[in-house]
N, C-alpha and C. Protein backbone atom coordinates (compact mmCIF):
# COMPACT_ATOMS: atom_id res chain seq x y z
N MET A 1 0.85 -1.17 0.08
CA MET A 1 0.08 -0.03 0.03
C MET A 1 0.91 1.13 -0.04
N THR A 2 0.26 2.35 -0.59
CA THR A 2 0.99 3.64 -0.53
C THR A 2 0.57 4.43 0.69
N LEU A 3 1.89 4.89 1.33
CA LEU A 3 1.58 5.78 2.27
C LEU A 3 2.32 7.34 2.15
N ASP A 4 1.55 8.35 2.47
CA ASP A 4 2.06 9.67 2.53
C ASP A 4 1.57 10.39 3.67
N ILE A 5 2.69 10.83 4.36
CA ILE A 5 2.53 11.72 5.75
C ILE A 5 2.97 13.07 5.34
N ILE A 6 2.11 14.11 5.54
CA ILE A 6 2.14 15.26 5.08
C ILE A 6 1.99 16.20 6.41
N THR A 7 2.72 17.34 6.54
CA THR A 7 2.42 18.33 7.71
C THR A 7 2.14 19.61 6.86
N PRO A 8 1.72 20.62 7.57
CA PRO A 8 1.54 21.81 6.84
C PRO A 8 2.78 22.65 5.88
N ASP A 9 3.93 22.06 6.50
CA ASP A 9 5.09 22.78 5.90
C ASP A 9 5.76 21.77 4.78
N ARG A 10 5.63 20.48 4.86
CA ARG A 10 6.29 19.41 4.01
C ARG A 10 5.75 18.38 3.92
N LYS A 11 6.19 17.58 2.92
CA LYS A 11 5.97 15.95 2.78
C LYS A 11 6.87 15.28 3.48
N VAL A 12 6.72 14.65 4.76
CA VAL A 12 7.52 13.88 5.41
C VAL A 12 8.06 12.69 5.07
N PHE A 13 6.84 11.83 4.35
CA PHE A 13 7.26 10.55 3.68
C PHE A 13 6.38 10.30 2.75
N SER A 14 6.89 9.56 1.64
CA SER A 14 6.11 8.98 0.68
C SER A 14 6.63 7.74 0.07
N GLY A 15 5.81 6.65 0.17
CA GLY A 15 6.49 5.38 -0.14
C GLY A 15 5.40 4.15 0.02
N GLU A 16 6.18 2.98 -0.15
CA GLU A 16 5.40 1.72 0.03
C GLU A 16 5.56 1.35 1.47
N ALA A 17 4.36 0.66 2.06
CA ALA A 17 4.38 0.17 3.34
C ALA A 17 3.64 -1.35 3.27
N THR A 18 4.05 -2.18 4.22
CA THR A 18 3.41 -3.35 4.27
C THR A 18 2.39 -3.41 5.65
N SER A 19 2.69 -2.70 6.56
CA SER A 19 1.78 -2.22 7.58
C SER A 19 2.32 -0.97 8.39
N ILE A 20 1.14 -0.46 8.92
CA ILE A 20 1.35 0.96 9.59
C ILE A 20 0.85 1.00 11.07
N THR A 21 1.20 1.25 11.89
CA THR A 21 0.51 1.41 13.11
C THR A 21 0.37 2.86 13.71
N PHE A 22 -0.72 3.20 13.99
CA PHE A 22 -1.34 4.54 14.29
C PHE A 22 -1.53 4.86 15.79
N PRO A 23 -1.26 6.03 16.37
CA PRO A 23 -1.74 6.35 17.66
C PRO A 23 -3.05 6.94 17.66
N GLY A 24 -4.12 6.16 17.27
CA GLY A 24 -5.47 6.52 17.14
C GLY A 24 -6.02 7.48 18.49
N SER A 25 -7.09 8.29 18.29
CA SER A 25 -7.44 9.07 19.43
C SER A 25 -8.31 7.93 20.50
N GLU A 26 -8.69 6.90 19.86
CA GLU A 26 -9.42 5.95 20.70
C GLU A 26 -8.70 4.75 21.09
N GLY A 27 -7.36 4.78 20.87
CA GLY A 27 -6.35 3.59 20.92
C GLY A 27 -5.49 3.38 19.75
N GLN A 28 -4.51 2.52 19.88
CA GLN A 28 -3.55 2.33 18.77
C GLN A 28 -4.32 1.16 17.66
N PHE A 29 -4.14 1.42 16.42
CA PHE A 29 -4.57 0.66 15.57
C PHE A 29 -3.58 0.35 14.68
N GLN A 30 -3.53 -0.78 13.69
CA GLN A 30 -2.84 -1.16 12.76
C GLN A 30 -3.79 -1.24 11.30
N VAL A 31 -2.96 -0.95 10.19
CA VAL A 31 -3.51 -1.10 8.86
C VAL A 31 -2.81 -1.83 8.19
N LEU A 32 -3.42 -2.79 7.43
CA LEU A 32 -2.53 -3.77 6.31
C LEU A 32 -3.09 -3.49 5.06
N ASN A 33 -2.54 -4.16 3.99
CA ASN A 33 -3.14 -4.29 2.68
C ASN A 33 -4.51 -4.47 2.68
N ASP A 34 -5.16 -4.12 1.68
CA ASP A 34 -6.67 -4.17 1.41
C ASP A 34 -7.57 -3.91 2.89
N HIS A 35 -7.08 -2.96 3.61
CA HIS A 35 -7.88 -2.64 4.79
C HIS A 35 -9.20 -1.83 4.39
N ALA A 36 -10.23 -1.91 5.00
CA ALA A 36 -11.39 -1.41 4.84
C ALA A 36 -11.29 -0.01 4.87
N PRO A 37 -12.11 0.85 4.07
CA PRO A 37 -11.76 2.26 4.25
C PRO A 37 -12.25 2.89 5.59
N LEU A 38 -11.48 3.90 5.89
CA LEU A 38 -11.59 4.50 7.39
C LEU A 38 -10.95 5.93 7.25
N VAL A 39 -11.50 6.77 8.19
CA VAL A 39 -10.87 8.03 8.65
C VAL A 39 -10.77 8.15 10.06
N SER A 40 -9.88 8.48 10.79
CA SER A 40 -9.54 8.52 12.04
C SER A 40 -8.75 9.75 12.42
N THR A 41 -8.97 10.06 13.71
CA THR A 41 -8.27 11.29 14.30
C THR A 41 -6.99 10.58 14.95
N LEU A 42 -6.01 11.21 14.98
CA LEU A 42 -4.68 10.73 15.67
C LEU A 42 -4.36 11.53 16.83
N ASP A 43 -3.66 10.98 17.99
CA ASP A 43 -3.46 11.66 19.14
C ASP A 43 -1.77 11.60 18.86
N ARG A 44 -1.10 12.43 19.86
CA ARG A 44 0.22 12.40 19.74
C ARG A 44 0.91 11.02 19.97
N GLY A 45 1.76 10.57 19.26
CA GLY A 45 2.44 9.47 19.42
C GLY A 45 3.21 9.02 18.36
N PRO A 46 3.74 7.77 18.25
CA PRO A 46 4.39 7.24 17.24
C PRO A 46 3.58 6.68 15.97
N ILE A 47 3.96 6.94 14.62
CA ILE A 47 3.38 6.06 13.51
C ILE A 47 4.57 5.19 13.10
N VAL A 48 4.46 4.00 13.15
CA VAL A 48 5.31 2.74 12.79
C VAL A 48 5.13 2.36 11.51
N VAL A 49 5.91 2.50 10.55
CA VAL A 49 5.81 1.99 9.06
C VAL A 49 6.73 0.86 8.90
N GLN A 50 6.09 -0.17 8.76
CA GLN A 50 6.95 -1.31 8.22
C GLN A 50 6.86 -1.50 6.80
N SER A 51 8.17 -1.64 6.23
CA SER A 51 8.25 -1.82 4.78
C SER A 51 9.24 -2.91 4.36
N ALA A 52 9.38 -3.20 2.98
CA ALA A 52 10.43 -4.24 2.64
C ALA A 52 11.71 -4.03 3.12
N SER A 53 11.93 -2.68 3.44
CA SER A 53 13.32 -2.18 3.62
C SER A 53 13.62 -2.00 5.06
N GLY A 54 12.52 -2.40 6.03
CA GLY A 54 12.74 -2.13 7.50
C GLY A 54 11.61 -1.38 7.81
N GLN A 55 11.93 -0.67 9.15
CA GLN A 55 10.91 -0.26 10.04
C GLN A 55 11.40 1.21 10.26
N GLN A 56 10.35 2.28 10.19
CA GLN A 56 10.70 3.58 10.58
C GLN A 56 9.63 4.24 11.33
N THR A 57 9.89 5.21 12.21
CA THR A 57 9.03 5.65 13.23
C THR A 57 8.87 7.22 13.05
N PHE A 58 7.65 7.71 12.79
CA PHE A 58 7.60 9.27 12.95
C PHE A 58 6.85 9.62 14.06
N ASN A 59 7.10 10.41 14.91
CA ASN A 59 6.38 10.88 16.04
C ASN A 59 5.57 12.15 15.65
N VAL A 60 4.33 12.03 15.81
CA VAL A 60 3.37 12.96 15.11
C VAL A 60 2.69 13.67 16.43
N ASP A 61 2.34 14.81 16.38
CA ASP A 61 1.52 15.73 17.28
C ASP A 61 0.07 15.78 16.91
N GLY A 62 -0.43 14.83 16.65
CA GLY A 62 -1.97 14.73 16.41
C GLY A 62 -2.17 14.95 14.80
N GLY A 63 -3.25 14.57 14.36
CA GLY A 63 -3.68 14.86 12.98
C GLY A 63 -4.87 13.88 12.62
N VAL A 64 -4.83 13.49 11.38
CA VAL A 64 -5.91 12.78 10.77
C VAL A 64 -5.27 11.74 9.75
N VAL A 65 -5.92 10.85 9.70
CA VAL A 65 -5.63 9.46 8.62
C VAL A 65 -6.74 9.10 7.84
N GLU A 66 -6.57 8.96 6.52
CA GLU A 66 -7.50 8.34 5.76
C GLU A 66 -7.02 7.17 4.94
N VAL A 67 -7.60 6.12 4.92
CA VAL A 67 -7.39 4.83 4.27
C VAL A 67 -8.35 4.60 3.23
N LEU A 68 -7.96 4.50 2.00
CA LEU A 68 -8.79 4.31 0.90
C LEU A 68 -8.35 3.61 -0.14
N GLN A 69 -8.54 2.30 -0.62
CA GLN A 69 -8.12 1.40 -1.87
C GLN A 69 -6.60 1.31 -1.84
N ASN A 70 -5.87 1.10 -0.53
CA ASN A 70 -4.52 0.78 -0.47
C ASN A 70 -3.78 2.09 -0.65
N ASN A 71 -4.67 3.12 -0.30
CA ASN A 71 -3.79 4.54 -0.18
C ASN A 71 -4.06 5.03 1.14
N VAL A 72 -2.89 5.28 1.94
CA VAL A 72 -2.99 6.05 3.18
C VAL A 72 -2.55 7.26 3.27
N LEU A 73 -3.31 8.36 3.70
CA LEU A 73 -2.85 9.60 3.76
C LEU A 73 -2.97 10.13 5.15
N VAL A 74 -1.87 10.59 5.54
CA VAL A 74 -1.72 11.18 7.00
C VAL A 74 -1.65 12.62 6.97
N LEU A 75 -2.49 13.41 7.44
CA LEU A 75 -2.37 14.73 7.75
C LEU A 75 -1.96 15.04 9.05
N ALA A 76 -0.63 15.26 9.41
CA ALA A 76 -0.34 15.48 10.58
C ALA A 76 -0.02 16.89 10.99
N GLU A 77 -0.26 17.31 12.24
CA GLU A 77 -0.22 18.79 12.89
C GLU A 77 1.26 19.06 12.82
N ALA A 78 2.14 18.05 13.26
CA ALA A 78 3.57 18.37 13.20
C ALA A 78 4.39 16.97 13.50
N ILE A 79 5.61 16.93 13.10
CA ILE A 79 6.40 15.86 13.49
C ILE A 79 7.18 16.29 14.56
N VAL A 80 7.30 15.53 15.74
CA VAL A 80 8.07 16.02 16.96
C VAL A 80 9.16 15.20 17.34
N ALA A 81 10.03 15.52 17.85
CA ALA A 81 11.38 14.76 18.20
C ALA A 81 11.19 13.83 19.14
């Protein structure tokens, strides 16, 4: 599936992922290939991206995620250290 992580000032990540774990407002959840469509708000916490080349973590300061037809779009308020 394709993942894009965007903040108001830049595109942080764009690429393929096999699984993505999110810090949802109602608890942590994971998205895999062919996931049902969903829109969710995100709390402050890590987005863990698993791909063929390894694992990457992005700490977000809240935002929104949309999953639709193996395309995942994250609109993050900010990426924090």
